[in-house]
Amino acid sequence: MPLDTGTPYETEAQRWQAVQARDAGADGRFFYAVLTTGVYCRPSCAARPARRENVSFHLTCEAAERAGYRACKRCRPNGPSQAERHAAAVAEACRIIEAAEEMPALDALSSAVSMSRYHFHRIFKEATGVTPRDYAAARRVERLKERLDGGDSVTEAFHGAGFGSNGRFYEQAGALLGMKPGEWKQGGRDAAIRFALGQCSLGAVLVAATEKGICAIQFGDDPQKLLDALQDRFPQARLIGGDPEFEALVARVVGLVERPAEAVALPLDVRGTAFQQRVWKALREVPAGTTLTYGELAQRIGSPAAVRAVATACASNEIAVAIPCHRVIRKGGAMAGYRWGVARKQALLAREGVA
């Protein structure tokens, strides 16, 4: 792969620094060859360090081979990178988990992708942010929802989704679905969701809450579309318009929108996978007036390689401002990636004093 013009690896000094640091971010940007061994490598290769006077740089594998060098057998520069191999292994493991009725044994998964048990477990968690067992549990919940929505009885759904026992299923059902399985199957029948629509400086705002707390704070340009989306998800739920007590809660939400830098304690009903819960908890700990990148957020939750999964969790957040995903920006300061629009994200950050 040729070097991109303007990358941090444009000069030989920058490339040599990347080789010394074994910088995986430089892989594919260039290759280095060692005169004394006759081998060329990726910048991240774990081979014994070479002396600078014996090193030359090449933009492609073909260029290194034309110069008389052969590919390193350790880092395999002319094949998929280690990161690509790991990603392919994790993707294959996810396919196996999703196709299985019950959670496959860890030994079976690691064997299927030709890795040791320990190594596979580590790279899977780094890539997805969760363990294989937690991933399987999240997929089981999705199957449960699909079966309930598809017409299965509650009993058929929990067996088909892979839950092992009635007792375990009903213990977890409320936390997994946010309501009883029968209520979910009936589109939220008899489930009470209080809501209010209003206007704030960022446009229309919908606030919805269960008996546990706020389950949605949504922005939009059209109040009716916000309400339609809530009704579409739970067509049989009892949607209750705001009473004086709830209106007071909504006023606190609007106050938080207008002054996001002020600490306001709001009761929340947060629903999501174990990984999403970790991301959202970390978001609530980000101080007002500060920002961090998706990579930095991934490091905070102990999963530095799960940057994409972290970004997906931020995009899945249903509770604007109270779970401040607007404080997460792309590397380099880009403001993209806010489900309610970049302009709203910029406005919220500006109110916190972030340029």
Protein backbone atom coordinates (compact mmCIF):
# COMPACT_ATOMS: atom_id res chain seq x y z
CA MET A 1 0.00 0.00 0.00
CA PRO A 2 1.53 3.35 -0.97
CA LEU A 3 2.22 6.03 1.58
CA ASP A 4 -0.49 8.70 1.87
CA THR A 5 0.86 12.19 1.19
CA GLY A 6 0.78 14.34 4.29
CA THR A 7 0.74 11.49 6.84
CA PRO A 8 2.89 11.69 9.99
CA TYR A 9 5.21 9.16 8.30
CA GLU A 10 6.23 11.31 5.35
CA THR A 11 9.88 11.82 6.29
CA GLU A 12 12.51 9.19 7.04
CA ALA A 13 12.93 10.62 10.54
CA GLN A 14 9.22 10.10 11.21
CA ARG A 15 9.33 6.58 9.79
CA TRP A 16 12.36 5.65 11.88
CA GLN A 17 10.62 6.97 14.98
CA ALA A 18 7.58 4.79 14.14
CA VAL A 19 9.83 1.73 13.75
CA GLN A 20 11.50 2.37 17.09
CA ALA A 21 8.07 2.74 18.73
CA ARG A 22 6.72 -0.31 16.87
CA ASP A 23 3.80 1.90 15.89
CA ALA A 24 0.96 -0.27 14.58
CA GLY A 25 -0.67 2.86 13.18
CA ALA A 26 2.14 3.04 10.63
CA ASP A 27 1.50 -0.47 9.30
CA GLY A 28 0.59 -0.33 5.63
CA ARG A 29 1.93 3.22 5.30
CA PHE A 30 5.45 2.02 4.62
CA PHE A 31 7.79 -0.93 5.20
CA TYR A 32 11.35 -1.04 6.46
CA ALA A 33 14.12 -3.35 5.29
CA VAL A 34 17.26 -4.42 7.12
CA LEU A 35 20.43 -4.77 5.04
CA THR A 36 22.15 -7.26 7.36
CA THR A 37 19.26 -9.75 7.41
CA GLY A 38 17.86 -9.20 3.92
CA VAL A 39 14.33 -9.02 5.40
CA TYR A 40 11.63 -6.34 5.20
CA CYS A 41 9.00 -5.82 7.92
CA ARG A 42 6.01 -3.85 9.08
CA PRO A 43 6.83 -0.90 11.37
CA SER A 44 5.16 -2.74 14.28
CA CYS A 45 7.22 -5.92 13.88
CA ALA A 46 8.46 -7.34 17.18
CA ALA A 47 11.76 -8.45 15.64
CA ARG A 48 15.06 -7.48 17.27
CA PRO A 49 15.74 -3.75 16.70
CA ALA A 50 18.05 -2.95 13.79
CA ARG A 51 20.73 -0.27 13.59
CA ARG A 52 19.64 2.86 11.77
CA GLU A 53 22.46 2.71 9.21
CA ASN A 54 21.22 -0.74 8.08
CA VAL A 55 17.58 0.32 7.57
CA SER A 56 15.92 1.52 4.37
CA PHE A 57 12.29 2.44 3.80
CA HIS A 58 9.94 1.31 1.04
CA LEU A 59 6.38 2.37 0.26
CA THR A 60 5.19 -1.03 -0.96
CA CYS A 61 6.06 -4.70 -0.53
CA GLU A 62 6.80 -4.87 -4.24
CA ALA A 63 9.38 -2.08 -3.93
CA ALA A 64 11.13 -3.86 -1.06
CA GLU A 65 11.20 -7.14 -2.99
CA ARG A 66 12.54 -5.43 -6.12
CA ALA A 67 15.36 -4.15 -3.93
CA GLY A 68 16.21 -7.77 -3.08
CA TYR A 69 14.55 -8.17 0.33
CA ARG A 70 12.27 -11.04 1.40
CA ALA A 71 9.20 -10.81 3.62
CA CYS A 72 9.62 -11.28 7.37
CA LYS A 73 8.10 -14.58 8.54
CA ARG A 74 7.19 -13.05 11.87
CA CYS A 75 5.05 -10.03 10.90
CA ARG A 76 4.18 -11.25 7.36
CA PRO A 77 4.15 -7.80 5.75
CA ASN A 78 2.86 -9.12 2.40
CA GLY A 79 -0.24 -10.66 4.01
CA PRO A 80 -3.08 -9.46 6.24
CA SER A 81 -1.91 -7.44 9.22
CA GLN A 82 -2.25 -8.79 12.74
CA ALA A 83 -5.11 -6.36 13.35
CA GLU A 84 -6.88 -7.62 10.21
CA ARG A 85 -6.37 -11.25 11.25
CA HIS A 86 -7.70 -10.52 14.72
CA ALA A 87 -10.72 -8.66 13.31
CA ALA A 88 -11.50 -11.57 10.98
CA ALA A 89 -11.22 -14.04 13.88
CA VAL A 90 -13.55 -11.99 16.07
CA ALA A 91 -16.05 -11.59 13.23
CA GLU A 92 -16.04 -15.35 12.66
CA ALA A 93 -16.54 -16.00 16.39
CA CYS A 94 -19.46 -13.57 16.43
CA ARG A 95 -21.05 -15.43 13.51
CA ILE A 96 -20.67 -18.74 15.37
CA ILE A 97 -22.20 -17.29 18.55
CA GLU A 98 -25.12 -15.73 16.66
CA ALA A 99 -25.88 -18.99 14.82
CA ALA A 100 -25.71 -21.18 17.96
CA GLU A 101 -28.80 -21.86 20.05
CA GLU A 102 -26.66 -22.03 23.20
CA MET A 103 -23.42 -20.30 24.11
CA PRO A 104 -20.54 -22.30 22.52
CA ALA A 105 -17.76 -23.33 24.87
CA LEU A 106 -14.78 -20.98 24.93
CA ASP A 107 -12.47 -23.83 23.88
CA ALA A 108 -14.67 -24.53 20.85
CA LEU A 109 -14.69 -20.87 19.81
CA SER A 110 -10.94 -20.42 20.17
CA SER A 111 -10.31 -23.66 18.27
CA ALA A 112 -12.61 -22.55 15.45
CA VAL A 113 -10.47 -19.45 14.86
CA SER A 114 -7.15 -21.26 15.48
CA MET A 115 -6.19 -19.39 18.64
CA SER A 116 -5.39 -20.34 22.18
CA ARG A 117 -8.21 -19.95 24.69
CA TYR A 118 -6.48 -17.10 26.55
CA HIS A 119 -5.39 -15.22 23.42
CA PHE A 120 -8.83 -15.47 21.83
CA HIS A 121 -10.60 -14.25 24.96
CA ARG A 122 -8.26 -11.24 25.17
CA ILE A 123 -8.53 -10.13 21.55
CA PHE A 124 -12.32 -10.67 21.51
CA LYS A 125 -12.78 -8.38 24.51
CA GLU A 126 -10.37 -5.81 23.06
CA ALA A 127 -12.29 -5.74 19.77
CA THR A 128 -15.87 -5.78 21.07
CA GLY A 129 -15.53 -4.39 24.59
CA VAL A 130 -17.26 -7.43 26.10
CA THR A 131 -16.43 -11.05 26.76
CA PRO A 132 -17.73 -13.78 24.44
CA ARG A 133 -20.24 -14.77 27.14
CA ASP A 134 -21.53 -11.20 27.48
CA TYR A 135 -21.78 -10.93 23.70
CA ALA A 136 -23.80 -14.15 23.60
CA ALA A 137 -26.06 -12.84 26.38
CA ALA A 138 -26.77 -9.64 24.43
CA ARG A 139 -27.55 -11.64 21.30
CA ARG A 140 -29.86 -13.89 23.32
CA VAL A 141 -31.85 -10.83 24.40
CA GLU A 142 -32.12 -9.69 20.78
CA ARG A 143 -33.42 -13.13 19.79
CA LEU A 144 -35.92 -12.95 22.63
CA LYS A 145 -37.25 -9.60 21.38
CA GLU A 146 -37.40 -10.87 17.80
CA ARG A 147 -39.37 -13.95 18.84
CA LEU A 148 -41.78 -12.01 21.03
CA ASP A 149 -42.32 -9.48 18.23
CA GLY A 150 -42.72 -12.36 15.76
CA GLY A 151 -45.65 -13.92 17.59
CA ASP A 152 -44.04 -16.61 19.79
CA SER A 153 -45.56 -17.17 23.20
CA VAL A 154 -43.43 -16.08 26.14
CA THR A 155 -42.51 -19.72 26.85
CA GLU A 156 -41.60 -20.39 23.21
CA ALA A 157 -39.60 -17.17 23.04
CA PHE A 158 -37.45 -17.81 26.10
CA HIS A 159 -36.70 -21.41 25.06
CA GLY A 160 -35.99 -20.37 21.48
CA ALA A 161 -33.71 -17.54 22.61
CA GLY A 162 -31.59 -19.98 24.63
CA PHE A 163 -32.53 -19.18 28.22
CA GLY A 164 -31.86 -22.21 30.35
CA SER A 165 -34.61 -22.02 32.95
CA ASN A 166 -37.87 -20.26 33.63
CA GLY A 167 -36.66 -18.95 36.97
CA ARG A 168 -33.49 -17.41 35.58
CA PHE A 169 -35.38 -15.91 32.68
CA TYR A 170 -38.02 -14.20 34.79
CA GLU A 171 -35.40 -12.93 37.24
CA GLN A 172 -33.63 -11.15 34.39
CA ALA A 173 -36.57 -10.23 32.15
CA GLY A 174 -37.43 -6.90 33.75
CA ALA A 175 -33.87 -5.62 33.54
CA LEU A 176 -33.39 -6.96 30.01
CA LEU A 177 -36.63 -5.69 28.48
CA GLY A 178 -37.55 -2.85 30.82
CA MET A 179 -40.95 -4.53 31.42
CA LYS A 180 -42.52 -7.94 31.84
CA PRO A 181 -42.16 -10.28 28.82
CA GLY A 182 -45.92 -10.40 28.33
CA GLU A 183 -46.07 -6.61 28.24
CA TRP A 184 -43.30 -6.49 25.64
CA LYS A 185 -45.06 -9.09 23.49
CA GLN A 186 -48.23 -7.01 23.55
CA GLY A 187 -46.42 -3.88 22.43
CA GLY A 188 -46.11 -2.58 25.98
CA ARG A 189 -49.77 -3.25 26.88
CA ASP A 190 -50.50 -1.97 30.39
CA ALA A 191 -46.99 -0.50 30.68
CA ALA A 192 -47.25 3.11 31.80
CA ILE A 193 -44.96 5.61 30.11
CA ARG A 194 -45.36 9.24 31.04
CA PHE A 195 -44.24 11.77 28.47
CA ALA A 196 -44.23 15.45 27.65
CA LEU A 197 -43.43 17.39 24.50
CA GLY A 198 -42.06 20.88 24.61
CA GLN A 199 -39.78 23.42 23.04
CA CYS A 200 -36.32 24.50 24.06
CA SER A 201 -33.58 26.48 22.39
CA LEU A 202 -32.51 23.31 20.50
CA GLY A 203 -35.95 22.71 19.02
CA ALA A 204 -38.61 20.20 20.01
CA VAL A 205 -37.85 17.99 22.99
CA LEU A 206 -39.59 14.83 24.18
CA VAL A 207 -39.11 13.52 27.70
CA ALA A 208 -40.44 10.05 28.56
CA ALA A 209 -40.21 8.15 31.82
CA THR A 210 -41.19 4.87 33.40
CA GLU A 211 -41.79 4.42 37.10
CA LYS A 212 -38.01 3.91 37.46
CA GLY A 213 -36.97 7.17 35.83
CA ILE A 214 -36.34 8.97 32.56
CA CYS A 215 -35.96 6.52 29.67
CA ALA A 216 -35.75 9.04 26.82
CA ILE A 217 -34.75 12.62 26.15
CA GLN A 218 -35.03 13.21 22.42
CA PHE A 219 -34.50 16.29 20.26
CA GLY A 220 -36.10 16.95 16.89
CA ASP A 221 -37.53 19.50 14.53
CA ASP A 222 -41.05 18.04 14.52
CA PRO A 223 -42.75 17.26 17.89
CA GLN A 224 -45.22 14.89 16.25
CA LYS A 225 -42.44 12.74 14.78
CA LEU A 226 -40.89 12.39 18.23
CA LEU A 227 -44.21 11.21 19.66
CA ASP A 228 -44.85 8.90 16.69
CA ALA A 229 -41.49 7.19 17.27
CA LEU A 230 -42.39 6.56 20.92
CA GLN A 231 -45.82 5.20 19.98
CA ASP A 232 -44.40 2.98 17.20
CA ARG A 233 -42.09 1.19 19.64
CA PHE A 234 -44.81 0.43 22.18
CA PRO A 235 -48.14 0.73 20.36
CA GLN A 236 -50.13 -0.79 23.25
CA ALA A 237 -48.45 1.07 26.12
CA ARG A 238 -50.40 3.56 28.18
CA LEU A 239 -48.82 6.87 27.20
CA ILE A 240 -49.74 9.33 29.90
CA GLY A 241 -49.51 13.05 29.33
CA GLY A 242 -47.59 15.17 31.79
CA ASP A 243 -49.12 15.96 35.17
CA PRO A 244 -47.83 18.76 37.45
CA GLU A 245 -45.27 16.46 39.07
CA PHE A 246 -43.95 15.27 35.72
CA GLU A 247 -43.95 18.78 34.30
CA ALA A 248 -41.61 19.75 37.15
CA LEU A 249 -39.26 16.94 36.05
CA VAL A 250 -39.44 18.13 32.45
CA ALA A 251 -38.57 21.64 33.59
CA ARG A 252 -35.41 20.25 35.20
CA VAL A 253 -34.56 18.53 31.90
CA VAL A 254 -35.04 21.74 29.92
CA GLY A 255 -32.91 23.54 32.48
CA LEU A 256 -30.16 20.98 31.89
CA VAL A 257 -30.43 21.52 28.13
CA GLU A 258 -30.10 25.28 28.53
CA ARG A 259 -27.34 25.02 31.15
CA PRO A 260 -25.60 21.66 30.57
CA ALA A 261 -22.62 22.71 32.67
CA GLU A 262 -24.77 22.70 35.81
CA ALA A 263 -24.99 19.44 37.74
CA VAL A 264 -28.61 18.25 37.84
CA ALA A 265 -29.47 14.90 39.39
CA LEU A 266 -32.14 13.17 37.33
CA PRO A 267 -33.64 9.71 37.95
CA LEU A 268 -32.80 7.55 34.92
CA ASP A 269 -34.12 4.25 33.63
CA VAL A 270 -31.12 3.21 31.54
CA ARG A 271 -31.53 0.08 29.41
CA GLY A 272 -28.84 -1.55 27.34
CA THR A 273 -26.27 -4.30 27.09
CA ALA A 274 -23.56 -4.70 29.70
CA PHE A 275 -21.08 -2.97 27.39
CA GLN A 276 -23.44 -0.08 26.64
CA GLN A 277 -24.05 0.36 30.35
CA ARG A 278 -20.30 0.64 30.94
CA VAL A 279 -19.95 3.27 28.21
CA TRP A 280 -22.92 5.30 29.43
CA LYS A 281 -21.71 5.17 33.03
CA ALA A 282 -18.31 6.47 31.91
CA LEU A 283 -20.01 9.25 29.94
CA ARG A 284 -21.82 10.45 33.04
CA GLU A 285 -18.45 10.81 34.74
CA VAL A 286 -17.05 13.16 32.04
CA PRO A 287 -16.98 16.66 33.61
CA ALA A 288 -18.88 19.47 31.93
CA GLY A 289 -16.67 21.73 29.85
CA THR A 290 -14.36 18.89 28.79
CA THR A 291 -14.28 16.58 25.80
CA LEU A 292 -12.63 13.28 24.99
CA THR A 293 -12.25 11.12 21.92
CA TYR A 294 -13.87 7.75 21.32
CA GLY A 295 -10.44 6.18 21.80
CA GLU A 296 -9.98 7.89 25.16
CA LEU A 297 -13.45 6.76 26.24
CA ALA A 298 -12.57 3.20 25.22
CA GLN A 299 -9.47 3.40 27.40
CA ARG A 300 -11.53 4.67 30.36
CA ILE A 301 -13.73 1.59 30.31
CA GLY A 302 -10.72 -0.72 30.01
CA SER A 303 -11.28 -1.71 26.36
CA PRO A 304 -8.80 0.41 24.36
CA ALA A 305 -9.29 -1.53 21.13
CA ALA A 306 -13.10 -1.28 21.17
CA VAL A 307 -13.28 2.21 19.66
CA ARG A 308 -15.96 1.33 17.10
CA ALA A 309 -18.07 -0.45 19.71
CA VAL A 310 -17.80 2.63 21.95
CA ALA A 311 -18.93 4.87 19.09
CA THR A 312 -21.89 2.56 18.47
CA ALA A 313 -22.85 2.67 22.15
CA CYS A 314 -22.75 6.48 22.08
CA ALA A 315 -24.97 6.48 19.00
CA SER A 316 -27.43 4.15 20.79
CA ASN A 317 -27.87 6.52 23.73
CA GLU A 318 -31.55 7.48 24.08
CA ILE A 319 -31.06 10.01 26.88
CA ALA A 320 -29.56 13.22 25.53
CA VAL A 321 -27.61 15.59 27.80
CA ALA A 322 -28.23 13.57 30.99
CA ILE A 323 -25.93 10.94 29.45
CA PRO A 324 -23.62 13.48 27.80
CA CYS A 325 -22.49 11.74 24.63
CA HIS A 326 -22.14 15.25 23.12
CA ARG A 327 -18.83 15.49 25.00
CA VAL A 328 -17.27 12.80 22.81
CA ILE A 329 -15.55 14.01 19.65
CA ARG A 330 -13.52 12.41 16.92
CA LYS A 331 -9.76 12.37 17.00
CA GLY A 332 -8.59 15.74 15.76
CA GLY A 333 -11.61 17.59 17.14
CA ALA A 334 -14.25 16.81 14.51
CA MET A 335 -17.82 17.29 15.75
CA ALA A 336 -19.48 14.56 13.67
CA GLY A 337 -21.32 11.65 15.20
CA TYR A 338 -24.28 13.05 17.19
CA ARG A 339 -27.66 11.43 16.62
CA TRP A 340 -29.50 14.71 17.18
CA GLY A 341 -27.35 16.73 14.79
CA VAL A 342 -23.93 18.34 14.84
CA ALA A 343 -25.41 21.83 15.34
CA ARG A 344 -27.03 20.75 18.62
CA LYS A 345 -23.79 19.13 19.72
CA GLN A 346 -21.86 22.32 19.05
CA ALA A 347 -24.48 24.39 20.89
CA LEU A 348 -24.31 22.17 23.98
CA LEU A 349 -20.53 22.26 24.05
CA ALA A 350 -20.52 26.05 23.54
CA ARG A 351 -22.76 26.41 26.58
CA GLU A 352 -20.18 24.46 28.57
CA GLY A 353 -17.43 26.78 27.40
CA VAL A 354 -15.89 24.42 24.83
CA ALA A 355 -14.80 26.25 21.68
